[in-house]
Amino acid sequence: CPVFITYVDKIVDMRRYLVQEKSEFPPQLQSAFKGLESNANPWSFPSGDRAKWAEGLEVKTLAEHPNAEVLFWVGCAPSFDERAKKVSRATVKLMQQAGVDFAILGTQEQCTGDPARRAGNEYLFQMFARANVEVLNGYGVDKKKIVTTCPHCFNTLLNEYSDYGGKYEVIHHSTFLAGLIAQGKLKPSRRVDKKVVYHDSCYLGRYNEVYDAPREALRSIPGLTVLEPKATRDRGMCCGAGGAQMFKEEEPGKERVNIARTEQLLETQPDVVASACPFCMRMLTDGLAAHNRESIPQLDIAEILLESV
């Protein structure tokens, strides 16, 4: 807001009133709420399958390796969504190449509760916050680093769990990977002769001012050209999934946000659209399909970096 009115918290408060006091919310959100309540993820995937994405990668859990220096907090979409799983696997391969001592929670991980809070279901959010903090503190994660590929998880763990006794050092994978490159632990060497336009996630960029690290990671790749859309950095545009919109349809009569944002990115004439968020990845992939531009891949920065190391 140009006069610095904090409007997002007011909108969320109004949603809390509607959801918790009047039980009024878009019917499509009921599925997400039920999935969270029954399986600790908004899509109702079996909670016992949360670590299946890591099969064959020899990734240890904190229960198996409690002294790990880094906890890789995977998140719901990167654990269950087939497309987002590839980002999890790419991130793990990069950390393994860099010699990072890390572990995951596996089936002990649950949703951070971010979708519930954005949708106004504060009770459900607090249930997850308290349960997750208990698990994290039980493993002494307050003395470790947490790395996450999802900006929603990143923001919630970093900025909101402190209200429930969880104060952690949380790093988004874009910052973590850029740091590994700066330290010489990851060395991009294979050329990737492509033009890449980067999309800023709201919870990574405008909420937490992480703008440079993703670009630094991409610019470290030989041959890669990083393009900028007109609406970029702190003037960027939402992909259309924010505020729990990921789990419901947009109101009728309006241009779909993801289609409008994809159009802005396509104006740069890229070979690849890059992002650093599983929700953005889904929305921009759909946006490219709506523009009949499926020939342009939508890749996470970890996937692009893996091509070069």
Protein backbone atom coordinates (compact mmCIF):
# COMPACT_ATOMS: atom_id res chain seq x y z
CA CYS A 1 0.00 0.00 0.00
CA PRO A 2 1.46 3.43 -0.92
CA VAL A 3 0.52 4.85 2.50
CA PHE A 4 1.60 1.72 4.41
CA ILE A 5 -1.80 0.52 5.55
CA THR A 6 -1.44 -3.10 6.65
CA TYR A 7 -4.49 -4.48 4.93
CA VAL A 8 -3.65 -8.20 4.70
CA ASP A 9 -4.00 -8.82 8.44
CA LYS A 10 -7.36 -7.06 8.40
CA ILE A 11 -8.62 -9.24 5.57
CA VAL A 12 -7.45 -12.38 7.39
CA ASP A 13 -9.24 -11.18 10.55
CA MET A 14 -12.45 -10.77 8.58
CA ARG A 15 -12.01 -14.30 7.22
CA ARG A 16 -11.51 -15.61 10.76
CA TYR A 17 -14.83 -14.07 11.77
CA LEU A 18 -16.62 -15.55 8.77
CA VAL A 19 -15.11 -19.03 9.18
CA GLN A 20 -15.12 -19.41 12.96
CA GLU A 21 -18.11 -17.32 14.02
CA LYS A 22 -20.49 -17.61 11.09
CA SER A 23 -19.19 -20.77 9.39
CA GLU A 24 -19.31 -19.01 6.02
CA PHE A 25 -16.59 -19.77 3.47
CA PRO A 26 -16.31 -20.99 -0.14
CA PRO A 27 -17.47 -24.63 -0.26
CA GLN A 28 -14.29 -25.65 -2.08
CA LEU A 29 -12.26 -24.85 1.04
CA GLN A 30 -14.12 -27.56 2.94
CA SER A 31 -12.08 -30.20 1.11
CA ALA A 32 -8.84 -28.53 2.13
CA PHE A 33 -9.99 -28.24 5.76
CA LYS A 34 -11.04 -31.91 5.83
CA GLY A 35 -7.73 -33.00 4.32
CA LEU A 36 -5.81 -31.02 6.91
CA GLU A 37 -7.86 -32.43 9.76
CA SER A 38 -7.67 -36.05 8.65
CA ASN A 39 -4.30 -36.38 6.90
CA ALA A 40 -2.32 -33.22 7.81
CA ASN A 41 -2.26 -32.01 4.20
CA PRO A 42 -4.88 -30.08 2.22
CA TRP A 43 -5.25 -32.74 -0.51
CA SER A 44 -6.08 -35.70 1.75
CA PHE A 45 -3.11 -37.78 0.60
CA PRO A 46 -2.31 -40.53 3.15
CA SER A 47 -0.02 -39.03 5.78
CA GLY A 48 2.02 -42.25 5.77
CA ASP A 49 3.12 -41.46 2.19
CA ARG A 50 4.73 -38.14 3.09
CA ALA A 51 8.31 -39.37 2.66
CA LYS A 52 7.79 -41.55 -0.43
CA TRP A 53 9.16 -38.78 -2.68
CA ALA A 54 12.64 -39.54 -1.23
CA GLU A 55 12.72 -43.24 -2.17
CA GLY A 56 16.10 -44.20 -3.62
CA LEU A 57 17.87 -41.05 -2.41
CA GLU A 58 19.09 -42.46 0.92
CA VAL A 59 17.69 -39.54 2.90
CA LYS A 60 17.68 -40.03 6.66
CA THR A 61 15.02 -38.82 9.07
CA LEU A 62 15.80 -36.89 12.23
CA ALA A 63 14.72 -39.95 14.19
CA GLU A 64 17.55 -41.85 12.44
CA HIS A 65 20.03 -38.96 12.46
CA PRO A 66 19.15 -36.57 15.32
CA ASN A 67 22.53 -34.80 15.14
CA ALA A 68 22.00 -33.54 11.57
CA GLU A 69 23.01 -29.90 11.19
CA VAL A 70 20.14 -29.06 8.82
CA LEU A 71 16.48 -30.04 8.80
CA PHE A 72 15.01 -30.08 5.31
CA TRP A 73 11.37 -29.13 5.91
CA VAL A 74 9.76 -30.52 2.78
CA GLY A 75 6.17 -29.22 2.96
CA CYS A 76 2.92 -30.65 1.63
CA ALA A 77 3.06 -29.92 -2.10
CA PRO A 78 6.74 -30.98 -2.43
CA SER A 79 5.86 -34.20 -0.55
CA PHE A 80 2.75 -35.21 -2.50
CA ASP A 81 2.39 -33.29 -5.77
CA GLU A 82 4.08 -35.21 -8.58
CA ARG A 83 5.52 -32.08 -10.19
CA ALA A 84 6.70 -30.53 -6.92
CA LYS A 85 8.34 -33.81 -5.85
CA LYS A 86 10.92 -33.24 -8.59
CA VAL A 87 11.95 -30.01 -6.86
CA SER A 88 12.39 -31.84 -3.56
CA ARG A 89 14.54 -34.46 -5.25
CA ALA A 90 16.62 -31.83 -7.07
CA THR A 91 17.20 -29.94 -3.81
CA VAL A 92 18.29 -33.13 -2.05
CA LYS A 93 20.70 -34.03 -4.85
CA LEU A 94 22.27 -30.57 -4.68
CA MET A 95 22.65 -30.75 -0.90
CA GLN A 96 24.18 -34.21 -1.18
CA GLN A 97 26.65 -33.00 -3.81
CA ALA A 98 27.59 -30.12 -1.52
CA GLY A 99 28.14 -32.43 1.45
CA VAL A 100 25.36 -30.92 3.57
CA ASP A 101 24.59 -32.85 6.76
CA PHE A 102 20.79 -32.89 6.67
CA ALA A 103 17.75 -34.95 7.55
CA ILE A 104 13.97 -34.76 7.15
CA LEU A 105 11.11 -35.39 9.57
CA GLY A 106 9.44 -37.91 7.27
CA THR A 107 6.02 -38.98 8.53
CA GLN A 108 6.46 -36.78 11.62
CA GLU A 109 6.16 -33.70 9.42
CA GLN A 110 2.72 -32.11 9.08
CA CYS A 111 1.37 -29.10 7.23
CA THR A 112 2.53 -25.87 8.86
CA GLY A 113 -1.12 -24.78 8.89
CA ASP A 114 -0.50 -21.87 6.52
CA PRO A 115 -3.47 -22.65 4.20
CA ALA A 116 -5.80 -22.82 7.21
CA ARG A 117 -4.67 -19.45 8.60
CA ARG A 118 -4.92 -17.67 5.23
CA ALA A 119 -8.41 -19.09 4.76
CA GLY A 120 -9.51 -17.91 8.20
CA ASN A 121 -9.49 -21.24 10.04
CA GLU A 122 -7.34 -20.00 12.92
CA TYR A 123 -8.19 -22.88 15.23
CA LEU A 124 -6.84 -25.41 12.71
CA PHE A 125 -3.69 -23.35 12.17
CA GLN A 126 -2.94 -23.16 15.88
CA MET A 127 -3.45 -26.89 16.22
CA PHE A 128 -0.71 -27.53 13.64
CA ALA A 129 1.56 -24.80 15.00
CA ARG A 130 1.56 -26.24 18.51
CA ALA A 131 1.99 -29.83 17.33
CA ASN A 132 4.85 -28.97 14.97
CA VAL A 133 6.64 -26.82 17.52
CA GLU A 134 6.49 -29.69 20.00
CA VAL A 135 8.12 -32.05 17.47
CA LEU A 136 10.73 -29.51 16.35
CA ASN A 137 11.72 -28.53 19.87
CA GLY A 138 11.84 -32.17 20.85
CA TYR A 139 14.59 -32.65 18.27
CA GLY A 140 16.40 -29.46 19.29
CA VAL A 141 15.78 -27.85 15.92
CA ASP A 142 16.13 -24.44 17.56
CA LYS A 143 19.87 -25.20 17.42
CA LYS A 144 19.82 -26.30 13.77
CA LYS A 145 19.01 -24.67 10.45
CA ILE A 146 15.70 -25.33 8.69
CA VAL A 147 15.73 -25.27 4.88
CA THR A 148 12.46 -25.23 2.96
CA THR A 149 11.60 -25.00 -0.74
CA CYS A 150 8.13 -23.55 -0.06
CA PRO A 151 7.94 -19.80 0.72
CA HIS A 152 4.68 -20.39 2.60
CA CYS A 153 6.40 -22.86 4.93
CA PHE A 154 9.40 -20.53 5.12
CA ASN A 155 7.30 -17.55 6.18
CA THR A 156 5.18 -19.49 8.68
CA LEU A 157 8.10 -21.25 10.38
CA LEU A 158 10.20 -18.08 10.49
CA ASN A 159 7.67 -15.40 11.37
CA GLU A 160 4.64 -17.06 12.95
CA TYR A 161 5.78 -20.06 14.99
CA SER A 162 7.64 -17.82 17.42
CA ASP A 163 4.23 -16.99 18.94
CA TYR A 164 3.94 -20.67 19.91
CA GLY A 165 7.41 -21.22 21.35
CA GLY A 166 9.23 -22.04 18.11
CA LYS A 167 12.11 -19.70 17.29
CA TYR A 168 14.13 -21.11 14.42
CA GLU A 169 16.75 -20.17 11.86
CA VAL A 170 14.82 -20.75 8.66
CA ILE A 171 16.40 -20.43 5.22
CA HIS A 172 14.67 -20.68 1.87
CA HIS A 173 16.40 -23.07 -0.50
CA SER A 174 17.19 -20.26 -2.94
CA THR A 175 19.26 -18.51 -0.25
CA PHE A 176 20.77 -21.78 0.94
CA LEU A 177 21.83 -22.84 -2.56
CA ALA A 178 23.24 -19.40 -3.36
CA GLY A 179 25.27 -19.69 -0.15
CA LEU A 180 26.63 -23.11 -1.14
CA ILE A 181 27.70 -21.66 -4.49
CA ALA A 182 29.40 -18.68 -2.80
CA GLN A 183 31.26 -21.07 -0.48
CA GLY A 184 32.45 -23.14 -3.44
CA LYS A 185 30.58 -26.24 -2.26
CA LEU A 186 28.44 -26.20 -5.40
CA LYS A 187 30.18 -25.36 -8.66
CA PRO A 188 27.94 -24.79 -11.70
CA SER A 189 30.09 -25.75 -14.66
CA ARG A 190 27.91 -27.09 -17.46
CA ARG A 191 26.56 -24.37 -19.75
CA VAL A 192 22.83 -23.78 -19.90
CA ASP A 193 22.39 -21.51 -22.92
CA LYS A 194 18.88 -20.28 -22.20
CA LYS A 195 17.02 -17.09 -21.38
CA VAL A 196 15.20 -17.43 -18.06
CA VAL A 197 12.61 -15.04 -16.62
CA TYR A 198 12.29 -15.25 -12.84
CA HIS A 199 8.99 -14.81 -10.97
CA ASP A 200 9.11 -13.53 -7.37
CA SER A 201 6.91 -15.44 -4.92
CA CYS A 202 4.98 -13.07 -2.64
CA TYR A 203 5.99 -14.82 0.59
CA LEU A 204 9.61 -14.92 -0.50
CA GLY A 205 9.85 -11.45 -2.01
CA ARG A 206 7.49 -8.81 -0.69
CA TYR A 207 6.92 -10.51 2.66
CA ASN A 208 10.54 -11.39 3.44
CA GLU A 209 12.56 -9.32 0.95
CA VAL A 210 14.42 -12.28 -0.53
CA TYR A 211 15.08 -10.98 -4.02
CA ASP A 212 18.78 -11.32 -4.74
CA ALA A 213 19.55 -14.91 -3.70
CA PRO A 214 17.41 -16.66 -6.36
CA ARG A 215 18.87 -14.42 -9.06
CA GLU A 216 22.42 -14.95 -7.79
CA ALA A 217 21.93 -18.70 -7.93
CA LEU A 218 20.66 -18.48 -11.52
CA ARG A 219 23.37 -16.05 -12.65
CA SER A 220 26.05 -18.41 -11.39
CA ILE A 221 25.12 -20.83 -14.18
CA PRO A 222 27.35 -20.43 -17.28
CA GLY A 223 25.44 -19.36 -20.38
CA LEU A 224 22.21 -18.50 -18.54
CA THR A 225 20.62 -15.09 -19.10
CA VAL A 226 18.25 -13.88 -16.38
CA LEU A 227 15.40 -11.70 -17.65
CA GLU A 228 13.17 -9.39 -15.61
CA PRO A 229 9.48 -8.73 -16.31
CA LYS A 230 8.21 -5.16 -16.02
CA ALA A 231 6.45 -6.01 -12.75
CA THR A 232 9.28 -7.46 -10.69
CA ARG A 233 10.84 -7.59 -7.21
CA ASP A 234 8.81 -5.43 -4.77
CA ARG A 235 6.53 -4.42 -7.66
CA GLY A 236 5.93 -8.01 -8.67
CA MET A 237 2.56 -9.67 -9.03
CA CYS A 238 0.99 -12.64 -7.24
CA CYS A 239 0.76 -15.90 -9.20
CA GLY A 240 -2.87 -16.25 -8.14
CA ALA A 241 -2.45 -18.93 -5.46
CA GLY A 242 -1.93 -16.66 -2.45
CA GLY A 243 -4.36 -16.26 0.42
CA ALA A 244 -5.56 -19.88 0.14
CA GLN A 245 -6.73 -19.13 -3.42
CA MET A 246 -4.81 -22.28 -4.42
CA PHE A 247 -7.64 -24.35 -2.98
CA LYS A 248 -10.63 -22.60 -4.56
CA GLU A 249 -11.72 -21.14 -7.87
CA GLU A 250 -11.52 -17.44 -8.54
CA GLU A 251 -14.68 -15.37 -8.38
CA PRO A 252 -16.52 -15.26 -11.73
CA GLY A 253 -16.24 -12.33 -14.08
CA LYS A 254 -12.59 -11.56 -13.39
CA GLU A 255 -9.44 -12.26 -15.37
CA ARG A 256 -7.56 -15.13 -13.79
CA VAL A 257 -4.54 -13.80 -11.94
CA ASN A 258 -2.21 -16.58 -13.08
CA ILE A 259 -3.05 -15.93 -16.73
CA ALA A 260 -2.36 -12.20 -16.34
CA ARG A 261 0.93 -12.86 -14.56
CA THR A 262 2.04 -15.42 -17.12
CA GLU A 263 1.37 -12.89 -19.88
CA GLN A 264 3.72 -10.44 -18.15
CA LEU A 265 6.44 -13.09 -17.97
CA LEU A 266 5.98 -14.10 -21.62
CA GLU A 267 6.53 -10.50 -22.73
CA THR A 268 10.24 -11.02 -22.00
CA GLN A 269 10.35 -13.84 -24.63
CA PRO A 270 11.98 -16.42 -22.35
CA ASP A 271 13.10 -19.97 -23.03
CA VAL A 272 12.26 -20.94 -19.43
CA VAL A 273 10.03 -19.52 -16.70
CA ALA A 274 11.72 -19.91 -13.30
CA SER A 275 10.17 -19.82 -9.85
CA ALA A 276 11.01 -20.84 -6.29
CA CYS A 277 7.60 -21.86 -4.93
CA PRO A 278 5.48 -24.98 -5.56
CA PHE A 279 2.25 -22.96 -5.63
CA CYS A 280 3.69 -20.50 -8.15
CA MET A 281 4.94 -23.43 -10.22
CA ARG A 282 1.42 -24.88 -10.49
CA MET A 283 -0.24 -21.56 -11.31
CA LEU A 284 2.36 -20.52 -13.89
CA THR A 285 2.31 -23.96 -15.54
CA ASP A 286 -1.45 -23.61 -15.92
CA GLY A 287 -0.95 -20.05 -17.20
CA LEU A 288 1.48 -21.25 -19.88
CA ALA A 289 -1.02 -23.91 -20.94
CA ALA A 290 -3.78 -21.28 -21.16
CA HIS A 291 -1.53 -19.26 -23.51
CA ASN A 292 -0.72 -22.40 -25.55
CA ARG A 293 2.92 -22.07 -24.56
CA GLU A 294 3.51 -25.47 -22.97
CA SER A 295 6.74 -25.65 -24.99
CA ILE A 296 8.22 -23.22 -22.44
CA PRO A 297 9.12 -25.21 -19.29
CA GLN A 298 8.34 -23.88 -15.82
CA LEU A 299 11.25 -24.91 -13.59
CA ASP A 300 12.34 -24.32 -10.03
CA ILE A 301 15.76 -22.74 -9.55
CA ALA A 302 17.00 -26.00 -7.99
CA GLU A 303 16.11 -27.92 -11.16
CA ILE A 304 17.91 -25.41 -13.36
CA LEU A 305 20.95 -25.41 -11.09
CA LEU A 306 21.08 -29.20 -11.08
CA GLU A 307 21.49 -29.11 -14.87
CA SER A 308 24.76 -27.23 -14.43
CA VAL A 309 26.53 -28.88 -11.49
